[in-house]
Amino acid sequence: MAAALPDDHGVYMVPAFTGLGAPHRDPQARGLICGLTLDITADHVAQAALEAVA
């Protein structure tokens, strides 16, 4: 198992694949990935996804 990255480079994910729930229900909301730059690798995106659903 790979170790966590030492720095997340400011990448985070908002999982809203079926809309957002509490505190304001919005079924039209969409997920997003923020903080993408040229320094970001697939590992950073994977870590952001894991942290978002954990």
PDB file of N, CA and C in Angstrom:
ATOM      1  N   MET A   1       0.845  -1.184   0.000  1.00  0.00           N
ATOM      2  CA  MET A   1       0.000   0.000   0.000  1.00  0.00           C
ATOM      3  C   MET A   1       0.884   1.239   0.000  1.00  0.00           C
ATOM      4  N   ALA A   2       0.584   2.184  -0.853  1.00  0.00           N
ATOM      5  CA  ALA A   2       1.379   3.408  -0.963  1.00  0.00           C
ATOM      6  C   ALA A   2       1.087   4.346   0.209  1.00  0.00           C
ATOM      7  N   ALA A   3       2.113   5.069   0.605  1.00  0.00           N
ATOM      8  CA  ALA A   3       1.951   6.047   1.691  1.00  0.00           C
ATOM      9  C   ALA A   3       1.252   7.286   1.162  1.00  0.00           C
ATOM     10  N   ALA A   4       0.637   8.017   2.068  1.00  0.00           N
ATOM     11  CA  ALA A   4      -0.030   9.265   1.692  1.00  0.00           C
ATOM     12  C   ALA A   4       1.006  10.273   1.205  1.00  0.00           C
ATOM     13  N   LEU A   5       0.607  11.122   0.317  1.00  0.00           N
ATOM     14  CA  LEU A   5       1.502  12.160  -0.181  1.00  0.00           C
ATOM     15  C   LEU A   5       1.812  13.150   0.931  1.00  0.00           C
ATOM     16  N   PRO A   6       3.035  13.670   0.999  1.00  0.00           N
ATOM     17  CA  PRO A   6       3.378  14.609   2.058  1.00  0.00           C
ATOM     18  C   PRO A   6       2.680  15.962   1.925  1.00  0.00           C
ATOM     19  N   ASP A   7       2.298  16.328   0.713  1.00  0.00           N
ATOM     20  CA  ASP A   7       1.654  17.617   0.473  1.00  0.00           C
ATOM     21  C   ASP A   7       0.533  17.420  -0.535  1.00  0.00           C
ATOM     22  N   ASP A   8      -0.628  17.990  -0.238  1.00  0.00           N
ATOM     23  CA  ASP A   8      -1.758  17.812  -1.152  1.00  0.00           C
ATOM     24  C   ASP A   8      -1.782  18.843  -2.275  1.00  0.00           C
ATOM     25  N   HIS A   9      -0.863  19.798  -2.260  1.00  0.00           N
ATOM     26  CA  HIS A   9      -0.770  20.857  -3.277  1.00  0.00           C
ATOM     27  C   HIS A   9      -2.061  21.655  -3.409  1.00  0.00           C
ATOM     28  N   GLY A  10      -2.909  21.628  -2.411  1.00  0.00           N
ATOM     29  CA  GLY A  10      -4.139  22.416  -2.446  1.00  0.00           C
ATOM     30  C   GLY A  10      -5.241  21.818  -3.299  1.00  0.00           C
ATOM     31  N   VAL A  11      -5.113  20.548  -3.658  1.00  0.00           N
ATOM     32  CA  VAL A  11      -6.143  19.893  -4.465  1.00  0.00           C
ATOM     33  C   VAL A  11      -7.202  19.311  -3.544  1.00  0.00           C
ATOM     34  N   TYR A  12      -8.457  19.613  -3.826  1.00  0.00           N
ATOM     35  CA  TYR A  12      -9.543  18.991  -3.088  1.00  0.00           C
ATOM     36  C   TYR A  12     -10.717  18.732  -4.020  1.00  0.00           C
ATOM     37  N   MET A  13     -11.567  17.828  -3.587  1.00  0.00           N
ATOM     38  CA  MET A  13     -12.693  17.391  -4.411  1.00  0.00           C
ATOM     39  C   MET A  13     -13.982  17.543  -3.621  1.00  0.00           C
ATOM     40  N   VAL A  14     -15.026  17.988  -4.311  1.00  0.00           N
ATOM     41  CA  VAL A  14     -16.356  18.070  -3.720  1.00  0.00           C
ATOM     42  C   VAL A  14     -17.214  17.027  -4.440  1.00  0.00           C
ATOM     43  N   PRO A  15     -17.500  15.903  -3.767  1.00  0.00           N
ATOM     44  CA  PRO A  15     -18.289  14.861  -4.423  1.00  0.00           C
ATOM     45  C   PRO A  15     -19.784  15.175  -4.357  1.00  0.00           C
ATOM     46  N   ALA A  16     -20.329  15.660  -5.441  1.00  0.00           N
ATOM     47  CA  ALA A  16     -21.756  15.981  -5.499  1.00  0.00           C
ATOM     48  C   ALA A  16     -22.354  15.302  -6.726  1.00  0.00           C
ATOM     49  N   PHE A  17     -22.127  14.007  -6.828  1.00  0.00           N
ATOM     50  CA  PHE A  17     -22.533  13.286  -8.035  1.00  0.00           C
ATOM     51  C   PHE A  17     -24.042  13.165  -8.169  1.00  0.00           C
ATOM     52  N   THR A  18     -24.759  13.219  -7.046  1.00  0.00           N
ATOM     53  CA  THR A  18     -26.224  13.199  -7.090  1.00  0.00           C
ATOM     54  C   THR A  18     -26.784  14.427  -6.401  1.00  0.00           C
ATOM     55  N   GLY A  19     -26.042  15.518  -6.434  1.00  0.00           N
ATOM     56  CA  GLY A  19     -26.461  16.752  -5.781  1.00  0.00           C
ATOM     57  C   GLY A  19     -25.852  16.858  -4.392  1.00  0.00           C
ATOM     58  N   LEU A  20     -26.089  17.987  -3.752  1.00  0.00           N
ATOM     59  CA  LEU A  20     -25.597  18.210  -2.395  1.00  0.00           C
ATOM     60  C   LEU A  20     -26.730  18.014  -1.412  1.00  0.00           C
ATOM     61  N   GLY A  21     -26.397  17.523  -0.234  1.00  0.00           N
ATOM     62  CA  GLY A  21     -27.400  17.302   0.803  1.00  0.00           C
ATOM     63  C   GLY A  21     -27.443  18.449   1.782  1.00  0.00           C
ATOM     64  N   ALA A  22     -27.275  18.129   3.059  1.00  0.00           N
ATOM     65  CA  ALA A  22     -27.367  19.128   4.127  1.00  0.00           C
ATOM     66  C   ALA A  22     -26.245  20.155   4.009  1.00  0.00           C
ATOM     67  N   PRO A  23     -26.433  21.390   4.393  1.00  0.00           N
ATOM     68  CA  PRO A  23     -27.641  21.921   4.997  1.00  0.00           C
ATOM     69  C   PRO A  23     -28.641  22.444   3.960  1.00  0.00           C
ATOM     70  N   HIS A  24     -28.257  22.561   2.704  1.00  0.00           N
ATOM     71  CA  HIS A  24     -29.174  23.086   1.687  1.00  0.00           C
ATOM     72  C   HIS A  24     -29.264  22.077   0.547  1.00  0.00           C
ATOM     73  N   ARG A  25     -30.367  21.393   0.459  1.00  0.00           N
ATOM     74  CA  ARG A  25     -30.542  20.383  -0.580  1.00  0.00           C
ATOM     75  C   ARG A  25     -30.541  21.038  -1.953  1.00  0.00           C
ATOM     76  N   ASP A  26     -29.648  20.588  -2.809  1.00  0.00           N
ATOM     77  CA  ASP A  26     -29.568  21.107  -4.174  1.00  0.00           C
ATOM     78  C   ASP A  26     -29.302  19.935  -5.119  1.00  0.00           C
ATOM     79  N   PRO A  27     -30.356  19.360  -5.699  1.00  0.00           N
ATOM     80  CA  PRO A  27     -30.167  18.204  -6.564  1.00  0.00           C
ATOM     81  C   PRO A  27     -29.476  18.531  -7.887  1.00  0.00           C
ATOM     82  N   GLN A  28     -29.357  19.804  -8.223  1.00  0.00           N
ATOM     83  CA  GLN A  28     -28.705  20.195  -9.474  1.00  0.00           C
ATOM     84  C   GLN A  28     -27.207  20.457  -9.317  1.00  0.00           C
ATOM     85  N   ALA A  29     -26.695  20.430  -8.094  1.00  0.00           N
ATOM     86  CA  ALA A  29     -25.269  20.689  -7.850  1.00  0.00           C
ATOM     87  C   ALA A  29     -24.416  19.602  -8.503  1.00  0.00           C
ATOM     88  N   ARG A  30     -23.233  19.964  -8.921  1.00  0.00           N
ATOM     89  CA  ARG A  30     -22.318  19.027  -9.571  1.00  0.00           C
ATOM     90  C   ARG A  30     -21.014  18.973  -8.785  1.00  0.00           C
ATOM     91  N   GLY A  31     -20.323  17.852  -8.884  1.00  0.00           N
ATOM     92  CA  GLY A  31     -19.036  17.689  -8.221  1.00  0.00           C
ATOM     93  C   GLY A  31     -17.970  18.524  -8.906  1.00  0.00           C
ATOM     94  N   LEU A  32     -16.874  18.776  -8.170  1.00  0.00           N
ATOM     95  CA  LEU A  32     -15.789  19.543  -8.756  1.00  0.00           C
ATOM     96  C   LEU A  32     -14.465  19.158  -8.121  1.00  0.00           C
ATOM     97  N   ILE A  33     -13.396  19.435  -8.854  1.00  0.00           N
ATOM     98  CA  ILE A  33     -12.038  19.252  -8.364  1.00  0.00           C
ATOM     99  C   ILE A  33     -11.370  20.609  -8.448  1.00  0.00           C
ATOM    100  N   CYS A  34     -10.894  21.116  -7.314  1.00  0.00           N
ATOM    101  CA  CYS A  34     -10.273  22.441  -7.242  1.00  0.00           C
ATOM    102  C   CYS A  34      -8.781  22.326  -6.992  1.00  0.00           C
ATOM    103  N   GLY A  35      -8.058  23.327  -7.425  1.00  0.00           N
ATOM    104  CA  GLY A  35      -6.633  23.415  -7.138  1.00  0.00           C
ATOM    105  C   GLY A  35      -5.737  22.764  -8.172  1.00  0.00           C
ATOM    106  N   LEU A  36      -6.251  22.499  -9.352  1.00  0.00           N
ATOM    107  CA  LEU A  36      -5.426  21.854 -10.374  1.00  0.00           C
ATOM    108  C   LEU A  36      -4.413  22.830 -10.964  1.00  0.00           C
ATOM    109  N   THR A  37      -3.164  22.426 -10.977  1.00  0.00           N
ATOM    110  CA  THR A  37      -2.089  23.188 -11.597  1.00  0.00           C
ATOM    111  C   THR A  37      -1.223  22.216 -12.395  1.00  0.00           C
ATOM    112  N   LEU A  38      -0.164  22.718 -12.992  1.00  0.00           N
ATOM    113  CA  LEU A  38       0.740  21.851 -13.753  1.00  0.00           C
ATOM    114  C   LEU A  38       1.576  20.944 -12.849  1.00  0.00           C
ATOM    115  N   ASP A  39       1.626  21.231 -11.543  1.00  0.00           N
ATOM    116  CA  ASP A  39       2.406  20.415 -10.601  1.00  0.00           C
ATOM    117  C   ASP A  39       1.661  19.161 -10.160  1.00  0.00           C
ATOM    118  N   ILE A  40       0.366  19.097 -10.409  1.00  0.00           N
ATOM    119  CA  ILE A  40      -0.482  18.037  -9.881  1.00  0.00           C
ATOM    120  C   ILE A  40      -0.294  16.752 -10.670  1.00  0.00           C
ATOM    121  N   THR A  41      -0.242  15.640  -9.927  1.00  0.00           N
ATOM    122  CA  THR A  41      -0.155  14.322 -10.555  1.00  0.00           C
ATOM    123  C   THR A  41      -1.467  13.566 -10.317  1.00  0.00           C
ATOM    124  N   ALA A  42      -1.585  12.427 -10.929  1.00  0.00           N
ATOM    125  CA  ALA A  42      -2.767  11.590 -10.715  1.00  0.00           C
ATOM    126  C   ALA A  42      -2.869  11.159  -9.261  1.00  0.00           C
ATOM    127  N   ASP A  43      -1.728  11.036  -8.580  1.00  0.00           N
ATOM    128  CA  ASP A  43      -1.735  10.663  -7.162  1.00  0.00           C
ATOM    129  C   ASP A  43      -2.419  11.731  -6.318  1.00  0.00           C
ATOM    130  N   HIS A  44      -2.208  13.006  -6.650  1.00  0.00           N
ATOM    131  CA  HIS A  44      -2.856  14.086  -5.908  1.00  0.00           C
ATOM    132  C   HIS A  44      -4.377  14.039  -6.087  1.00  0.00           C
ATOM    133  N   VAL A  45      -4.813  13.786  -7.287  1.00  0.00           N
ATOM    134  CA  VAL A  45      -6.258  13.711  -7.558  1.00  0.00           C
ATOM    135  C   VAL A  45      -6.857  12.495  -6.855  1.00  0.00           C
ATOM    136  N   ALA A  46      -6.148  11.372  -6.885  1.00  0.00           N
ATOM    137  CA  ALA A  46      -6.637  10.171  -6.205  1.00  0.00           C
ATOM    138  C   ALA A  46      -6.730  10.402  -4.701  1.00  0.00           C
ATOM    139  N   GLN A  47      -5.727  11.053  -4.122  1.00  0.00           N
ATOM    140  CA  GLN A  47      -5.763  11.337  -2.685  1.00  0.00           C
ATOM    141  C   GLN A  47      -6.918  12.269  -2.342  1.00  0.00           C
ATOM    142  N   ALA A  48      -7.171  13.274  -3.175  1.00  0.00           N
ATOM    143  CA  ALA A  48      -8.283  14.193  -2.938  1.00  0.00           C
ATOM    144  C   ALA A  48      -9.612  13.440  -2.993  1.00  0.00           C
ATOM    145  N   ALA A  49      -9.739  12.515  -3.937  1.00  0.00           N
ATOM    146  CA  ALA A  49     -10.975  11.733  -4.046  1.00  0.00           C
ATOM    147  C   ALA A  49     -11.174  10.849  -2.826  1.00  0.00           C
ATOM    148  N   LEU A  50     -10.136  10.211  -2.365  1.00  0.00           N
ATOM    149  CA  LEU A  50     -10.239   9.356  -1.181  1.00  0.00           C
ATOM    150  C   LEU A  50     -10.589  10.169   0.057  1.00  0.00           C
ATOM    151  N   GLU A  51      -9.963  11.327   0.215  1.00  0.00           N
ATOM    152  CA  GLU A  51     -10.243  12.177   1.370  1.00  0.00           C
ATOM    153  C   GLU A  51     -11.670  12.743   1.326  1.00  0.00           C
ATOM    154  N   ALA A  52     -12.193  12.950   0.125  1.00  0.00           N
ATOM    155  CA  ALA A  52     -13.534  13.524  -0.002  1.00  0.00           C
ATOM    156  C   ALA A  52     -14.620  12.544   0.419  1.00  0.00           C
ATOM    157  N   VAL A  53     -14.410  11.265   0.202  1.00  0.00           N
ATOM    158  CA  VAL A  53     -15.437  10.284   0.528  1.00  0.00           C
ATOM    159  C   VAL A  53     -15.192   9.592   1.861  1.00  0.00           C
ATOM    160  N   ALA A  54     -14.036   9.824   2.454  1.00  0.00           N
ATOM    161  CA  ALA A  54     -13.708   9.165   3.735  1.00  0.00           C
ATOM    162  C   ALA A  54     -14.359   9.867   4.897  1.00  0.00           C
TER     163      ALA A  54
END
